[in-house]
């Protein structure tokens, strides 16, 4: 199943903003969002206080796109 983001990555990231107050110091497992946001969602979570983000993506192309998007010391 893929994320439904009618307006692209911006739509999905706007949803993530609602959990921002819960992120501080937490470890986050993100499943299947790397392709939809080209890695932006994992970076978003880490930059907003998550202690660690593990992003799992079954699509190899999604993983490659996420790796090109950028790096953060707390994102795998």
C-alpha atoms as a PDB file:
ATOM      1  CA  UNK A   1       0.000   0.000   0.000  1.00  0.00           C
ATOM      2  CA  UNK A   2       1.342   3.444  -0.812  1.00  0.00           C
ATOM      3  CA  UNK A   3       0.686   6.751   0.908  1.00  0.00           C
ATOM      4  CA  UNK A   4      -2.070   8.831  -0.537  1.00  0.00           C
ATOM      5  CA  UNK A   5      -0.685  12.290  -1.013  1.00  0.00           C
ATOM      6  CA  UNK A   6      -2.960  14.021  -3.509  1.00  0.00           C
ATOM      7  CA  UNK A   7      -0.759  17.106  -3.656  1.00  0.00           C
ATOM      8  CA  UNK A   8       2.556  15.241  -3.518  1.00  0.00           C
ATOM      9  CA  UNK A   9       5.147  15.282  -0.765  1.00  0.00           C
ATOM     10  CA  UNK A  10       3.945  18.624   0.575  1.00  0.00           C
ATOM     11  CA  UNK A  11       0.598  17.053   1.395  1.00  0.00           C
ATOM     12  CA  UNK A  12       2.223  14.237   3.363  1.00  0.00           C
ATOM     13  CA  UNK A  13       4.657  16.519   5.190  1.00  0.00           C
ATOM     14  CA  UNK A  14       1.795  18.772   6.243  1.00  0.00           C
ATOM     15  CA  UNK A  15       0.240  15.753   7.956  1.00  0.00           C
ATOM     16  CA  UNK A  16       3.507  15.047   9.755  1.00  0.00           C
ATOM     17  CA  UNK A  17       3.459  18.532  11.262  1.00  0.00           C
ATOM     18  CA  UNK A  18       0.625  17.381  13.533  1.00  0.00           C
ATOM     19  CA  UNK A  19       2.923  14.892  15.276  1.00  0.00           C
ATOM     20  CA  UNK A  20       5.791  17.361  15.670  1.00  0.00           C
ATOM     21  CA  UNK A  21       5.095  17.946  19.406  1.00  0.00           C
ATOM     22  CA  UNK A  22       5.480  14.188  19.993  1.00  0.00           C
ATOM     23  CA  UNK A  23       8.870  13.796  18.282  1.00  0.00           C
ATOM     24  CA  UNK A  24      11.326  15.249  20.800  1.00  0.00           C
ATOM     25  CA  UNK A  25      13.789  12.520  21.756  1.00  0.00           C
ATOM     26  CA  UNK A  26      11.744   9.688  20.214  1.00  0.00           C
ATOM     27  CA  UNK A  27      12.908   6.966  17.846  1.00  0.00           C
ATOM     28  CA  UNK A  28      10.694   6.884  14.748  1.00  0.00           C
ATOM     29  CA  UNK A  29      10.072   4.035  12.321  1.00  0.00           C
ATOM     30  CA  UNK A  30       8.827   5.320   8.974  1.00  0.00           C
ATOM     31  CA  UNK A  31       7.458   2.704   6.589  1.00  0.00           C
ATOM     32  CA  UNK A  32       6.956   3.316   2.879  1.00  0.00           C
ATOM     33  CA  UNK A  33       7.225   7.109   2.789  1.00  0.00           C
ATOM     34  CA  UNK A  34      10.718   7.466   1.303  1.00  0.00           C
ATOM     35  CA  UNK A  35       9.479   7.065  -2.268  1.00  0.00           C
ATOM     36  CA  UNK A  36       6.510   9.424  -1.849  1.00  0.00           C
ATOM     37  CA  UNK A  37       8.660  12.215  -0.401  1.00  0.00           C
ATOM     38  CA  UNK A  38      12.045  11.351  -1.938  1.00  0.00           C
ATOM     39  CA  UNK A  39      13.466  11.105   1.582  1.00  0.00           C
ATOM     40  CA  UNK A  40      12.134  14.461   2.686  1.00  0.00           C
ATOM     41  CA  UNK A  41       9.845  12.991   5.313  1.00  0.00           C
ATOM     42  CA  UNK A  42      12.658  11.258   7.233  1.00  0.00           C
ATOM     43  CA  UNK A  43      14.720  14.450   7.168  1.00  0.00           C
ATOM     44  CA  UNK A  44      11.660  16.419   8.300  1.00  0.00           C
ATOM     45  CA  UNK A  45      11.200  14.124  11.309  1.00  0.00           C
ATOM     46  CA  UNK A  46      14.870  14.296  12.321  1.00  0.00           C
ATOM     47  CA  UNK A  47      15.090  18.055  11.931  1.00  0.00           C
ATOM     48  CA  UNK A  48      12.078  18.474  14.189  1.00  0.00           C
ATOM     49  CA  UNK A  49      13.469  16.610  17.169  1.00  0.00           C
ATOM     50  CA  UNK A  50      13.349  12.860  16.567  1.00  0.00           C
ATOM     51  CA  UNK A  51      16.321  11.164  18.230  1.00  0.00           C
ATOM     52  CA  UNK A  52      16.549   8.652  15.374  1.00  0.00           C
ATOM     53  CA  UNK A  53      14.573   7.895  12.221  1.00  0.00           C
ATOM     54  CA  UNK A  54      14.654   4.521  10.484  1.00  0.00           C
ATOM     55  CA  UNK A  55      12.918   4.740   7.127  1.00  0.00           C
ATOM     56  CA  UNK A  56      11.988   1.451   5.460  1.00  0.00           C
ATOM     57  CA  UNK A  57      11.010   1.394   1.807  1.00  0.00           C
ATOM     58  CA  UNK A  58      10.287  -1.791  -0.175  1.00  0.00           C
ATOM     59  CA  UNK A  59      11.003  -0.025  -3.471  1.00  0.00           C
ATOM     60  CA  UNK A  60      14.726   0.141  -4.266  1.00  0.00           C
ATOM     61  CA  UNK A  61      14.214   3.220  -6.442  1.00  0.00           C
ATOM     62  CA  UNK A  62      12.568   4.948  -3.494  1.00  0.00           C
ATOM     63  CA  UNK A  63      15.595   4.218  -1.342  1.00  0.00           C
ATOM     64  CA  UNK A  64      17.950   5.589  -3.998  1.00  0.00           C
ATOM     65  CA  UNK A  65      15.879   8.783  -4.309  1.00  0.00           C
ATOM     66  CA  UNK A  66      15.929   9.215  -0.534  1.00  0.00           C
ATOM     67  CA  UNK A  67      19.706   8.819  -0.420  1.00  0.00           C
ATOM     68  CA  UNK A  68      20.097  11.540  -3.048  1.00  0.00           C
ATOM     69  CA  UNK A  69      17.764  13.879  -1.140  1.00  0.00           C
ATOM     70  CA  UNK A  70      20.185  14.518   1.674  1.00  0.00           C
ATOM     71  CA  UNK A  71      21.754  13.163   4.788  1.00  0.00           C
ATOM     72  CA  UNK A  72      21.164  13.644   8.478  1.00  0.00           C
ATOM     73  CA  UNK A  73      23.186  11.959  11.241  1.00  0.00           C
ATOM     74  CA  UNK A  74      19.990  10.624  12.859  1.00  0.00           C
ATOM     75  CA  UNK A  75      18.432   9.128   9.692  1.00  0.00           C
ATOM     76  CA  UNK A  76      18.961   5.637   8.291  1.00  0.00           C
END
